N, C-alpha and C. Protein backbone atom coordinates (compact mmCIF):
# COMPACT_ATOMS: atom_id res chain seq x y z
N MET A 1 -40.76 -99.18 -22.82
CA MET A 1 -40.05 -99.33 -24.05
C MET A 1 -38.74 -98.56 -23.95
N TYR A 2 -37.71 -99.26 -24.19
CA TYR A 2 -36.38 -98.67 -24.10
C TYR A 2 -35.89 -98.27 -25.47
N MET A 3 -35.21 -97.14 -25.49
CA MET A 3 -34.61 -96.70 -26.75
C MET A 3 -33.13 -96.98 -26.68
N ILE A 4 -32.64 -97.41 -27.73
CA ILE A 4 -31.21 -97.70 -27.78
C ILE A 4 -30.53 -96.51 -28.41
N ARG A 5 -29.51 -96.05 -27.70
CA ARG A 5 -28.76 -94.90 -28.17
C ARG A 5 -27.79 -95.32 -29.26
N LYS A 6 -27.63 -94.42 -30.21
CA LYS A 6 -26.70 -94.70 -31.30
C LYS A 6 -25.29 -94.72 -30.78
N ILE A 7 -24.51 -95.54 -31.30
CA ILE A 7 -23.09 -95.57 -30.96
C ILE A 7 -22.43 -94.48 -31.78
N LYS A 8 -21.69 -93.62 -31.05
CA LYS A 8 -21.02 -92.51 -31.72
C LYS A 8 -19.53 -92.75 -31.74
N THR A 9 -18.93 -92.27 -32.78
CA THR A 9 -17.48 -92.36 -32.86
C THR A 9 -16.88 -91.25 -32.00
N GLN A 10 -15.63 -91.41 -31.67
CA GLN A 10 -14.92 -90.41 -30.87
C GLN A 10 -14.93 -89.07 -31.60
N GLU A 11 -14.81 -89.10 -32.89
CA GLU A 11 -14.82 -87.87 -33.69
C GLU A 11 -16.17 -87.16 -33.59
N ALA A 12 -17.25 -87.91 -33.62
CA ALA A 12 -18.60 -87.34 -33.51
C ALA A 12 -18.83 -86.74 -32.12
N ILE A 13 -18.33 -87.43 -31.10
CA ILE A 13 -18.45 -86.92 -29.73
C ILE A 13 -17.69 -85.61 -29.58
N GLU A 14 -16.47 -85.55 -30.09
CA GLU A 14 -15.66 -84.33 -30.03
C GLU A 14 -16.33 -83.19 -30.79
N LYS A 15 -16.89 -83.50 -31.95
CA LYS A 15 -17.55 -82.50 -32.78
C LYS A 15 -18.77 -81.92 -32.05
N GLU A 16 -19.56 -82.78 -31.41
CA GLU A 16 -20.74 -82.34 -30.66
C GLU A 16 -20.33 -81.50 -29.45
N LYS A 17 -19.27 -81.91 -28.77
CA LYS A 17 -18.77 -81.18 -27.60
C LYS A 17 -18.31 -79.78 -28.01
N LYS A 18 -17.58 -79.70 -29.12
CA LYS A 18 -17.08 -78.41 -29.62
C LYS A 18 -18.26 -77.51 -30.01
N ARG A 19 -19.28 -78.10 -30.68
CA ARG A 19 -20.46 -77.33 -31.08
C ARG A 19 -21.17 -76.78 -29.84
N ASN A 20 -21.32 -77.58 -28.80
CA ASN A 20 -21.97 -77.14 -27.55
C ASN A 20 -21.17 -76.01 -26.88
N GLN A 21 -19.84 -76.11 -26.89
CA GLN A 21 -19.00 -75.06 -26.30
C GLN A 21 -19.14 -73.76 -27.07
N ILE A 22 -19.20 -73.84 -28.41
CA ILE A 22 -19.36 -72.63 -29.23
C ILE A 22 -20.72 -71.99 -28.95
N ILE A 23 -21.77 -72.80 -28.88
CA ILE A 23 -23.11 -72.27 -28.59
C ILE A 23 -23.13 -71.61 -27.21
N LEU A 24 -22.55 -72.27 -26.21
CA LEU A 24 -22.48 -71.72 -24.86
C LEU A 24 -21.71 -70.41 -24.84
N GLY A 25 -20.60 -70.35 -25.56
CA GLY A 25 -19.79 -69.13 -25.65
C GLY A 25 -20.56 -67.99 -26.27
N ILE A 26 -21.30 -68.28 -27.35
CA ILE A 26 -22.10 -67.25 -28.02
C ILE A 26 -23.20 -66.74 -27.09
N VAL A 27 -23.87 -67.66 -26.40
CA VAL A 27 -24.93 -67.28 -25.46
C VAL A 27 -24.36 -66.38 -24.36
N MET A 28 -23.20 -66.74 -23.83
CA MET A 28 -22.59 -65.93 -22.76
C MET A 28 -22.19 -64.55 -23.27
N MET A 29 -21.65 -64.47 -24.47
CA MET A 29 -21.27 -63.16 -25.04
C MET A 29 -22.50 -62.28 -25.24
N VAL A 30 -23.59 -62.87 -25.76
CA VAL A 30 -24.83 -62.12 -25.96
C VAL A 30 -25.35 -61.63 -24.60
N LEU A 31 -25.30 -62.48 -23.60
CA LEU A 31 -25.73 -62.11 -22.26
C LEU A 31 -24.91 -60.94 -21.71
N ILE A 32 -23.60 -60.98 -21.87
CA ILE A 32 -22.73 -59.91 -21.39
C ILE A 32 -23.04 -58.60 -22.10
N VAL A 33 -23.18 -58.66 -23.43
CA VAL A 33 -23.47 -57.45 -24.21
C VAL A 33 -24.83 -56.87 -23.80
N LEU A 34 -25.85 -57.73 -23.70
CA LEU A 34 -27.18 -57.25 -23.34
C LEU A 34 -27.23 -56.69 -21.92
N SER A 35 -26.55 -57.33 -20.98
CA SER A 35 -26.57 -56.82 -19.61
C SER A 35 -25.83 -55.48 -19.52
N SER A 36 -24.74 -55.33 -20.25
CA SER A 36 -24.03 -54.05 -20.27
C SER A 36 -24.89 -52.96 -20.88
N ALA A 37 -25.55 -53.28 -21.99
CA ALA A 37 -26.43 -52.31 -22.64
C ALA A 37 -27.61 -51.97 -21.72
N GLY A 38 -28.17 -52.97 -21.07
CA GLY A 38 -29.27 -52.73 -20.14
C GLY A 38 -28.86 -51.84 -18.98
N TYR A 39 -27.68 -52.09 -18.45
CA TYR A 39 -27.19 -51.27 -17.34
C TYR A 39 -27.01 -49.82 -17.80
N ALA A 40 -26.44 -49.64 -18.98
CA ALA A 40 -26.22 -48.29 -19.50
C ALA A 40 -27.54 -47.57 -19.72
N ILE A 41 -28.53 -48.27 -20.25
CA ILE A 41 -29.83 -47.66 -20.49
C ILE A 41 -30.55 -47.37 -19.18
N MET A 42 -30.54 -48.30 -18.25
CA MET A 42 -31.24 -48.13 -16.97
C MET A 42 -30.60 -47.08 -16.09
N SER A 43 -29.31 -46.88 -16.18
CA SER A 43 -28.66 -45.89 -15.33
C SER A 43 -28.93 -44.48 -15.80
N ARG A 44 -29.42 -44.33 -17.03
CA ARG A 44 -29.83 -43.01 -17.51
C ARG A 44 -31.30 -42.84 -17.20
N ASP A 45 -31.59 -42.26 -16.02
CA ASP A 45 -32.99 -42.11 -15.62
C ASP A 45 -33.54 -40.73 -15.96
N GLY A 46 -32.85 -40.03 -16.84
CA GLY A 46 -33.33 -38.71 -17.23
C GLY A 46 -32.73 -37.60 -16.40
N SER A 47 -32.21 -37.92 -15.23
CA SER A 47 -31.60 -36.88 -14.41
C SER A 47 -30.14 -36.73 -14.80
N THR A 48 -29.67 -35.52 -14.66
CA THR A 48 -28.26 -35.31 -14.96
C THR A 48 -27.46 -35.70 -13.75
N SER A 49 -26.27 -36.15 -13.99
CA SER A 49 -25.44 -36.57 -12.87
C SER A 49 -24.56 -35.42 -12.40
N LYS A 50 -24.93 -34.20 -12.80
CA LYS A 50 -24.17 -33.04 -12.35
C LYS A 50 -24.38 -32.83 -10.86
N VAL A 51 -23.34 -32.46 -10.19
CA VAL A 51 -23.41 -32.18 -8.76
C VAL A 51 -24.02 -30.79 -8.60
N GLN A 52 -25.00 -30.69 -7.71
CA GLN A 52 -25.63 -29.40 -7.48
C GLN A 52 -24.75 -28.55 -6.57
N LYS A 53 -24.56 -27.30 -6.98
CA LYS A 53 -23.75 -26.36 -6.19
C LYS A 53 -24.56 -25.10 -5.96
N VAL A 54 -24.41 -24.53 -4.77
CA VAL A 54 -25.10 -23.30 -4.40
C VAL A 54 -24.08 -22.34 -3.81
N GLN A 55 -24.11 -21.11 -4.28
CA GLN A 55 -23.22 -20.07 -3.77
C GLN A 55 -23.93 -19.35 -2.62
N TYR A 56 -23.23 -19.17 -1.51
CA TYR A 56 -23.75 -18.39 -0.39
C TYR A 56 -22.61 -17.52 0.10
N GLY A 57 -22.70 -16.23 -0.11
CA GLY A 57 -21.58 -15.34 0.20
C GLY A 57 -20.38 -15.76 -0.63
N ASN A 58 -19.26 -15.96 0.04
CA ASN A 58 -18.06 -16.39 -0.69
C ASN A 58 -17.84 -17.90 -0.60
N LEU A 59 -18.84 -18.63 -0.12
CA LEU A 59 -18.73 -20.09 0.01
C LEU A 59 -19.57 -20.79 -1.06
N VAL A 60 -19.08 -21.93 -1.51
CA VAL A 60 -19.83 -22.77 -2.44
C VAL A 60 -20.22 -24.04 -1.68
N PHE A 61 -21.52 -24.32 -1.68
CA PHE A 61 -22.04 -25.53 -1.04
C PHE A 61 -22.31 -26.56 -2.13
N THR A 62 -21.80 -27.77 -1.92
CA THR A 62 -21.96 -28.86 -2.88
C THR A 62 -22.86 -29.91 -2.25
N GLN A 63 -23.84 -30.37 -3.01
CA GLN A 63 -24.77 -31.36 -2.47
C GLN A 63 -24.21 -32.76 -2.60
N GLY A 64 -24.30 -33.51 -1.51
CA GLY A 64 -23.91 -34.92 -1.50
C GLY A 64 -25.16 -35.75 -1.23
N ASN A 65 -25.01 -36.93 -0.70
CA ASN A 65 -26.15 -37.77 -0.35
C ASN A 65 -26.73 -37.30 0.98
N ASN A 66 -27.82 -36.59 0.95
CA ASN A 66 -28.52 -36.10 2.14
C ASN A 66 -27.75 -35.04 2.92
N TYR A 67 -26.79 -34.40 2.33
CA TYR A 67 -26.08 -33.34 3.05
C TYR A 67 -25.53 -32.32 2.06
N TRP A 68 -25.14 -31.18 2.60
CA TRP A 68 -24.43 -30.14 1.86
C TRP A 68 -23.07 -30.00 2.50
N GLN A 69 -22.07 -29.74 1.71
CA GLN A 69 -20.74 -29.53 2.28
C GLN A 69 -20.13 -28.28 1.69
N THR A 70 -19.29 -27.65 2.48
CA THR A 70 -18.54 -26.49 2.02
C THR A 70 -17.17 -26.53 2.66
N GLN A 71 -16.25 -25.85 2.05
CA GLN A 71 -14.90 -25.79 2.60
C GLN A 71 -14.66 -24.38 3.13
N LEU A 72 -14.24 -24.32 4.37
CA LEU A 72 -13.92 -23.06 5.02
C LEU A 72 -12.46 -23.16 5.47
N GLY A 73 -11.58 -22.48 4.76
CA GLY A 73 -10.14 -22.66 5.00
C GLY A 73 -9.78 -24.08 4.61
N ASN A 74 -9.16 -24.80 5.54
CA ASN A 74 -8.83 -26.20 5.23
C ASN A 74 -9.78 -27.17 5.95
N LYS A 75 -10.92 -26.66 6.40
CA LYS A 75 -11.91 -27.50 7.09
C LYS A 75 -13.14 -27.69 6.20
N ILE A 76 -13.58 -28.93 6.08
CA ILE A 76 -14.81 -29.22 5.34
C ILE A 76 -15.93 -29.37 6.36
N LEU A 77 -17.00 -28.60 6.14
CA LEU A 77 -18.15 -28.63 7.04
C LEU A 77 -19.33 -29.27 6.32
N TYR A 78 -20.12 -30.05 7.06
CA TYR A 78 -21.27 -30.76 6.51
C TYR A 78 -22.54 -30.24 7.18
N PHE A 79 -23.59 -30.08 6.37
CA PHE A 79 -24.86 -29.57 6.86
C PHE A 79 -26.01 -30.33 6.22
N THR A 80 -27.14 -30.34 6.90
CA THR A 80 -28.36 -30.90 6.33
C THR A 80 -29.11 -29.82 5.56
N ASN A 81 -28.98 -28.57 6.00
CA ASN A 81 -29.72 -27.46 5.42
C ASN A 81 -28.77 -26.37 4.94
N LEU A 82 -29.18 -25.67 3.90
CA LEU A 82 -28.42 -24.50 3.44
C LEU A 82 -28.70 -23.33 4.38
N PRO A 83 -27.76 -22.40 4.50
CA PRO A 83 -27.96 -21.28 5.44
C PRO A 83 -29.21 -20.45 5.13
N GLN A 84 -29.51 -20.23 3.86
CA GLN A 84 -30.67 -19.41 3.52
C GLN A 84 -31.99 -20.10 3.86
N ASN A 85 -31.97 -21.41 4.06
CA ASN A 85 -33.20 -22.14 4.38
C ASN A 85 -33.52 -22.16 5.87
N ILE A 86 -32.60 -21.70 6.70
CA ILE A 86 -32.84 -21.71 8.15
C ILE A 86 -32.65 -20.33 8.76
N SER A 87 -32.79 -19.30 7.95
CA SER A 87 -32.57 -17.94 8.44
C SER A 87 -33.62 -17.52 9.47
N ASN A 88 -34.77 -18.20 9.50
CA ASN A 88 -35.83 -17.85 10.45
C ASN A 88 -35.62 -18.44 11.84
N VAL A 89 -34.62 -19.27 12.03
CA VAL A 89 -34.36 -19.88 13.34
C VAL A 89 -33.70 -18.84 14.24
N THR A 90 -34.25 -18.66 15.43
CA THR A 90 -33.74 -17.63 16.33
C THR A 90 -32.64 -18.16 17.23
N ILE A 91 -31.73 -17.26 17.55
CA ILE A 91 -30.70 -17.53 18.54
C ILE A 91 -30.92 -16.51 19.65
N SER A 92 -31.13 -17.00 20.88
CA SER A 92 -31.58 -16.13 21.97
C SER A 92 -30.58 -15.08 22.40
N SER A 93 -29.30 -15.38 22.33
CA SER A 93 -28.29 -14.40 22.74
C SER A 93 -26.97 -14.75 22.07
N ILE A 94 -25.93 -14.10 22.49
CA ILE A 94 -24.62 -14.30 21.86
C ILE A 94 -24.08 -15.69 22.21
N LEU A 95 -23.71 -16.40 21.16
CA LEU A 95 -23.13 -17.74 21.34
C LEU A 95 -21.67 -17.63 21.77
N PRO A 96 -21.18 -18.66 22.46
CA PRO A 96 -19.73 -18.70 22.69
C PRO A 96 -19.04 -18.73 21.33
N SER A 97 -17.87 -18.13 21.25
CA SER A 97 -17.16 -18.12 19.96
C SER A 97 -16.47 -19.46 19.75
N LEU A 98 -16.04 -19.68 18.53
CA LEU A 98 -15.33 -20.91 18.20
C LEU A 98 -14.09 -21.06 19.07
N GLY A 99 -13.43 -19.96 19.37
CA GLY A 99 -12.24 -19.99 20.21
C GLY A 99 -12.51 -20.49 21.62
N ASN A 100 -13.74 -20.28 22.11
CA ASN A 100 -14.08 -20.78 23.44
C ASN A 100 -14.02 -22.30 23.52
N TYR A 101 -14.32 -22.96 22.43
CA TYR A 101 -14.32 -24.43 22.41
C TYR A 101 -12.93 -25.00 22.17
N SER A 102 -12.03 -24.18 21.68
CA SER A 102 -10.68 -24.64 21.33
C SER A 102 -9.95 -25.18 22.56
N GLY A 103 -9.57 -26.44 22.48
CA GLY A 103 -8.82 -27.08 23.56
C GLY A 103 -9.64 -27.47 24.76
N ASN A 104 -10.93 -27.20 24.75
CA ASN A 104 -11.80 -27.55 25.87
C ASN A 104 -12.63 -28.78 25.56
N ASN A 105 -13.08 -29.45 26.61
CA ASN A 105 -14.01 -30.56 26.44
C ASN A 105 -15.39 -30.00 26.13
N LEU A 106 -16.10 -30.67 25.25
CA LEU A 106 -17.47 -30.29 24.92
C LEU A 106 -18.35 -31.48 25.26
N TYR A 107 -19.39 -31.21 26.03
CA TYR A 107 -20.29 -32.28 26.46
C TYR A 107 -21.62 -32.15 25.73
N VAL A 108 -22.20 -33.29 25.37
CA VAL A 108 -23.46 -33.31 24.63
C VAL A 108 -24.49 -34.08 25.45
N VAL A 109 -25.64 -33.42 25.68
CA VAL A 109 -26.73 -34.03 26.44
C VAL A 109 -27.84 -34.41 25.47
N ASN A 110 -28.39 -35.60 25.63
CA ASN A 110 -29.45 -36.13 24.76
C ASN A 110 -28.95 -36.26 23.32
N SER A 111 -27.83 -36.91 23.18
CA SER A 111 -27.19 -37.08 21.87
C SER A 111 -28.14 -37.74 20.87
N ASN A 112 -28.01 -37.36 19.61
CA ASN A 112 -28.83 -37.93 18.54
C ASN A 112 -28.03 -37.89 17.25
N ILE A 113 -28.64 -38.25 16.16
CA ILE A 113 -27.91 -38.35 14.89
C ILE A 113 -27.41 -36.99 14.39
N ALA A 114 -28.05 -35.90 14.78
CA ALA A 114 -27.61 -34.57 14.35
C ALA A 114 -26.25 -34.21 14.94
N VAL A 115 -25.83 -34.93 15.97
CA VAL A 115 -24.53 -34.67 16.60
C VAL A 115 -23.39 -34.88 15.61
N SER A 116 -23.59 -35.70 14.59
CA SER A 116 -22.51 -35.96 13.63
C SER A 116 -22.08 -34.67 12.93
N THR A 117 -23.03 -33.77 12.63
CA THR A 117 -22.69 -32.47 12.03
C THR A 117 -21.84 -31.67 13.00
N LEU A 118 -22.25 -31.66 14.26
CA LEU A 118 -21.53 -30.93 15.30
C LEU A 118 -20.14 -31.51 15.52
N SER A 119 -20.05 -32.82 15.62
CA SER A 119 -18.77 -33.48 15.86
C SER A 119 -17.79 -33.24 14.72
N ALA A 120 -18.28 -33.34 13.48
CA ALA A 120 -17.41 -33.11 12.32
C ALA A 120 -16.90 -31.68 12.30
N ALA A 121 -17.77 -30.73 12.66
CA ALA A 121 -17.38 -29.32 12.65
C ALA A 121 -16.35 -28.99 13.73
N LEU A 122 -16.51 -29.59 14.89
CA LEU A 122 -15.63 -29.25 16.02
C LEU A 122 -14.46 -30.22 16.20
N GLU A 123 -14.35 -31.20 15.30
CA GLU A 123 -13.23 -32.13 15.36
C GLU A 123 -11.93 -31.34 15.17
N GLY A 124 -11.00 -31.56 16.06
CA GLY A 124 -9.72 -30.86 15.99
C GLY A 124 -9.76 -29.50 16.67
N ILE A 125 -10.94 -29.06 17.10
CA ILE A 125 -11.05 -27.77 17.81
C ILE A 125 -11.27 -28.06 19.29
N ALA A 126 -12.40 -28.71 19.61
CA ALA A 126 -12.63 -29.14 20.99
C ALA A 126 -11.69 -30.30 21.27
N SER A 127 -11.13 -30.35 22.47
CA SER A 127 -10.19 -31.44 22.76
C SER A 127 -10.90 -32.79 22.83
N LYS A 128 -12.17 -32.77 23.26
CA LYS A 128 -12.93 -34.02 23.36
C LYS A 128 -14.41 -33.67 23.29
N ILE A 129 -15.17 -34.49 22.59
CA ILE A 129 -16.63 -34.35 22.56
C ILE A 129 -17.19 -35.62 23.18
N GLN A 130 -17.96 -35.44 24.26
CA GLN A 130 -18.41 -36.59 25.03
C GLN A 130 -19.85 -36.41 25.47
N GLU A 131 -20.58 -37.52 25.54
CA GLU A 131 -21.94 -37.48 26.08
C GLU A 131 -21.89 -37.20 27.57
N ALA A 132 -22.93 -36.54 28.05
CA ALA A 132 -23.02 -36.23 29.48
C ALA A 132 -24.49 -36.08 29.86
N CYS A 133 -24.73 -35.87 31.15
CA CYS A 133 -26.06 -35.56 31.66
C CYS A 133 -25.98 -34.22 32.38
N LEU A 134 -27.07 -33.47 32.35
CA LEU A 134 -27.11 -32.22 33.11
C LEU A 134 -27.35 -32.53 34.58
N ILE A 135 -26.91 -31.65 35.43
CA ILE A 135 -26.96 -31.88 36.87
C ILE A 135 -28.38 -32.14 37.38
N ASN A 136 -29.39 -31.47 36.84
CA ASN A 136 -30.77 -31.67 37.30
C ASN A 136 -31.60 -32.51 36.34
N GLN A 137 -30.95 -33.23 35.47
CA GLN A 137 -31.65 -34.02 34.46
C GLN A 137 -32.23 -35.29 35.09
N THR A 138 -33.54 -35.46 34.94
CA THR A 138 -34.20 -36.63 35.55
C THR A 138 -34.23 -37.83 34.61
N ASN A 139 -34.08 -37.58 33.31
CA ASN A 139 -34.19 -38.69 32.35
C ASN A 139 -32.84 -39.14 31.81
N CYS A 140 -31.80 -39.02 32.60
CA CYS A 140 -30.47 -39.46 32.17
C CYS A 140 -30.48 -40.99 32.08
N VAL A 141 -30.32 -41.49 30.88
CA VAL A 141 -30.43 -42.93 30.64
C VAL A 141 -29.23 -43.69 31.18
N ASN A 142 -28.05 -43.15 30.95
CA ASN A 142 -26.82 -43.84 31.35
C ASN A 142 -26.23 -43.16 32.58
N LYS A 143 -26.33 -43.82 33.70
CA LYS A 143 -25.84 -43.25 34.97
C LYS A 143 -24.31 -43.19 35.04
N ASP A 144 -23.62 -43.82 34.08
CA ASP A 144 -22.16 -43.78 34.05
C ASP A 144 -21.63 -42.52 33.37
N LEU A 145 -22.51 -41.74 32.75
CA LEU A 145 -22.06 -40.52 32.07
C LEU A 145 -21.70 -39.46 33.09
N PRO A 146 -20.76 -38.57 32.75
CA PRO A 146 -20.43 -37.49 33.67
C PRO A 146 -21.62 -36.54 33.83
N ILE A 147 -21.76 -35.99 35.02
CA ILE A 147 -22.82 -35.02 35.32
C ILE A 147 -22.21 -33.63 35.19
N LYS A 148 -22.82 -32.79 34.36
CA LYS A 148 -22.27 -31.46 34.09
C LYS A 148 -23.32 -30.39 34.34
N ASP A 149 -22.84 -29.18 34.58
CA ASP A 149 -23.72 -28.02 34.64
C ASP A 149 -23.21 -27.00 33.63
N CYS A 150 -23.78 -25.82 33.63
CA CYS A 150 -23.44 -24.82 32.61
C CYS A 150 -22.15 -24.06 32.90
N SER A 151 -21.35 -24.56 33.84
CA SER A 151 -20.00 -23.98 34.00
C SER A 151 -19.03 -24.68 33.05
N SER A 152 -19.48 -25.78 32.44
CA SER A 152 -18.72 -26.48 31.39
C SER A 152 -19.40 -26.18 30.05
N TYR A 153 -18.67 -26.41 28.96
CA TYR A 153 -19.26 -26.23 27.63
C TYR A 153 -20.14 -27.44 27.34
N VAL A 154 -21.44 -27.19 27.26
CA VAL A 154 -22.42 -28.26 27.09
C VAL A 154 -23.38 -27.89 25.96
N ILE A 155 -23.64 -28.85 25.09
CA ILE A 155 -24.68 -28.72 24.06
C ILE A 155 -25.83 -29.62 24.50
N VAL A 156 -27.01 -29.04 24.65
CA VAL A 156 -28.17 -29.79 25.12
C VAL A 156 -29.21 -29.86 24.00
N TYR A 157 -29.53 -31.07 23.59
CA TYR A 157 -30.61 -31.27 22.62
C TYR A 157 -31.90 -31.43 23.41
N GLU A 158 -32.89 -30.60 23.06
CA GLU A 158 -34.14 -30.58 23.81
C GLU A 158 -35.33 -30.61 22.86
N GLU A 159 -36.29 -31.47 23.15
CA GLU A 159 -37.51 -31.54 22.34
C GLU A 159 -38.29 -30.24 22.54
N ALA A 160 -38.85 -29.71 21.45
CA ALA A 160 -39.68 -28.50 21.50
C ALA A 160 -40.48 -28.41 20.21
N THR A 161 -41.55 -27.63 20.24
CA THR A 161 -42.36 -27.47 19.03
C THR A 161 -41.72 -26.47 18.08
N ASN A 162 -41.05 -25.46 18.60
CA ASN A 162 -40.37 -24.46 17.77
C ASN A 162 -38.87 -24.71 17.78
N THR A 163 -38.24 -24.52 16.64
CA THR A 163 -36.80 -24.71 16.54
C THR A 163 -36.10 -23.42 16.93
N SER A 164 -35.14 -23.54 17.85
CA SER A 164 -34.39 -22.37 18.28
C SER A 164 -33.05 -22.80 18.87
N VAL A 165 -32.20 -21.81 19.05
CA VAL A 165 -30.91 -22.01 19.71
C VAL A 165 -30.89 -21.04 20.88
N GLU A 166 -30.74 -21.56 22.09
CA GLU A 166 -30.75 -20.71 23.28
C GLU A 166 -29.46 -20.91 24.06
N VAL A 167 -29.01 -19.84 24.69
CA VAL A 167 -27.74 -19.87 25.41
C VAL A 167 -27.99 -19.51 26.87
N LYS A 168 -27.39 -20.29 27.77
CA LYS A 168 -27.41 -19.98 29.19
C LYS A 168 -26.02 -20.32 29.72
N ASP A 169 -25.28 -19.30 30.10
CA ASP A 169 -23.89 -19.45 30.52
C ASP A 169 -23.11 -20.17 29.41
N LYS A 170 -22.52 -21.34 29.72
CA LYS A 170 -21.77 -22.08 28.70
C LYS A 170 -22.59 -23.20 28.05
N CYS A 171 -23.88 -23.26 28.39
CA CYS A 171 -24.77 -24.25 27.79
C CYS A 171 -25.44 -23.66 26.56
N VAL A 172 -25.51 -24.45 25.51
CA VAL A 172 -26.26 -24.08 24.30
C VAL A 172 -27.35 -25.12 24.13
N TYR A 173 -28.60 -24.65 24.12
CA TYR A 173 -29.76 -25.53 23.98
C TYR A 173 -30.21 -25.52 22.52
N LEU A 174 -30.16 -26.67 21.88
CA LEU A 174 -30.63 -26.82 20.51
C LEU A 174 -32.00 -27.48 20.59
N LYS A 175 -33.04 -26.69 20.25
CA LYS A 175 -34.42 -27.14 20.48
C LYS A 175 -35.17 -27.33 19.18
N GLY A 176 -36.14 -28.24 19.23
CA GLY A 176 -37.02 -28.46 18.08
C GLY A 176 -36.41 -29.44 17.09
N ASP A 177 -36.36 -29.04 15.82
CA ASP A 177 -35.76 -29.87 14.77
C ASP A 177 -34.24 -29.88 15.00
N PHE A 178 -33.73 -31.02 15.43
CA PHE A 178 -32.31 -31.09 15.83
C PHE A 178 -31.36 -30.80 14.67
N PHE A 179 -31.70 -31.23 13.46
CA PHE A 179 -30.83 -30.96 12.31
C PHE A 179 -30.77 -29.47 12.01
N VAL A 180 -31.93 -28.83 12.00
CA VAL A 180 -32.00 -27.39 11.71
C VAL A 180 -31.27 -26.61 12.80
N ALA A 181 -31.54 -26.92 14.07
CA ALA A 181 -30.90 -26.21 15.18
C ALA A 181 -29.39 -26.41 15.17
N THR A 182 -28.94 -27.63 14.90
CA THR A 182 -27.50 -27.91 14.85
C THR A 182 -26.85 -27.13 13.71
N ASP A 183 -27.49 -27.15 12.54
CA ASP A 183 -26.94 -26.40 11.40
C ASP A 183 -26.85 -24.91 11.72
N LYS A 184 -27.90 -24.35 12.32
CA LYS A 184 -27.90 -22.92 12.67
C LYS A 184 -26.75 -22.62 13.63
N PHE A 185 -26.57 -23.47 14.62
CA PHE A 185 -25.50 -23.29 15.60
C PHE A 185 -24.13 -23.32 14.93
N VAL A 186 -23.89 -24.31 14.08
CA VAL A 186 -22.58 -24.44 13.42
C VAL A 186 -22.36 -23.29 12.44
N TYR A 187 -23.40 -22.89 11.70
CA TYR A 187 -23.26 -21.74 10.79
C TYR A 187 -22.85 -20.49 11.56
N ARG A 188 -23.51 -20.27 12.69
CA ARG A 188 -23.19 -19.07 13.48
C ARG A 188 -21.80 -19.18 14.11
N LEU A 189 -21.47 -20.36 14.58
CA LEU A 189 -20.17 -20.60 15.21
C LEU A 189 -19.02 -20.28 14.26
N PHE A 190 -19.20 -20.62 12.98
CA PHE A 190 -18.16 -20.38 11.98
C PHE A 190 -18.40 -19.08 11.20
N ASN A 191 -19.29 -18.23 11.72
CA ASN A 191 -19.59 -16.92 11.11
C ASN A 191 -20.00 -17.04 9.65
N ILE A 192 -20.78 -18.06 9.33
CA ILE A 192 -21.27 -18.24 7.96
C ILE A 192 -22.62 -17.54 7.80
N ALA A 193 -23.51 -17.73 8.76
CA ALA A 193 -24.84 -17.12 8.68
C ALA A 193 -25.36 -16.82 10.08
């Protein structure tokens, strides 16, 4: 059974079209208002959006996304841990001073994500930071890397159960938790902790 559609005048068609446009416009405006209100309500999760700051000595550490930062002179340093949280990490002997790295190449053995803290801290101080292998290293993955010994400035990341920083000649061994050991090394290097 077929239904026959009514014949509409041009005026009726225009009137219906205008009514549909007004309804569509109202629906869109309501949608925009509700989505904006929803976003405003949902973004308030009860936490304050204040940036957390911690004072340590004469430095202020500001928390970012998964890191802490502080400004020392005109250099911004980034850390995973605050200095007071890693005070139990031992350093076996006297570290090379920051001046020792100035203008020299720094080599990194067993590079990992914690190197970003080290690289950011020594950027503009060491002339170059490059991956390398130690002379007696049996697990050197990339045979194209330079082979170094402790007569060069070398940072060696080493797996261990205890976190520590050990020094042998110009080599610094960062052992255990790489983020904690790297932070401890950089804090000591810049005479922060």
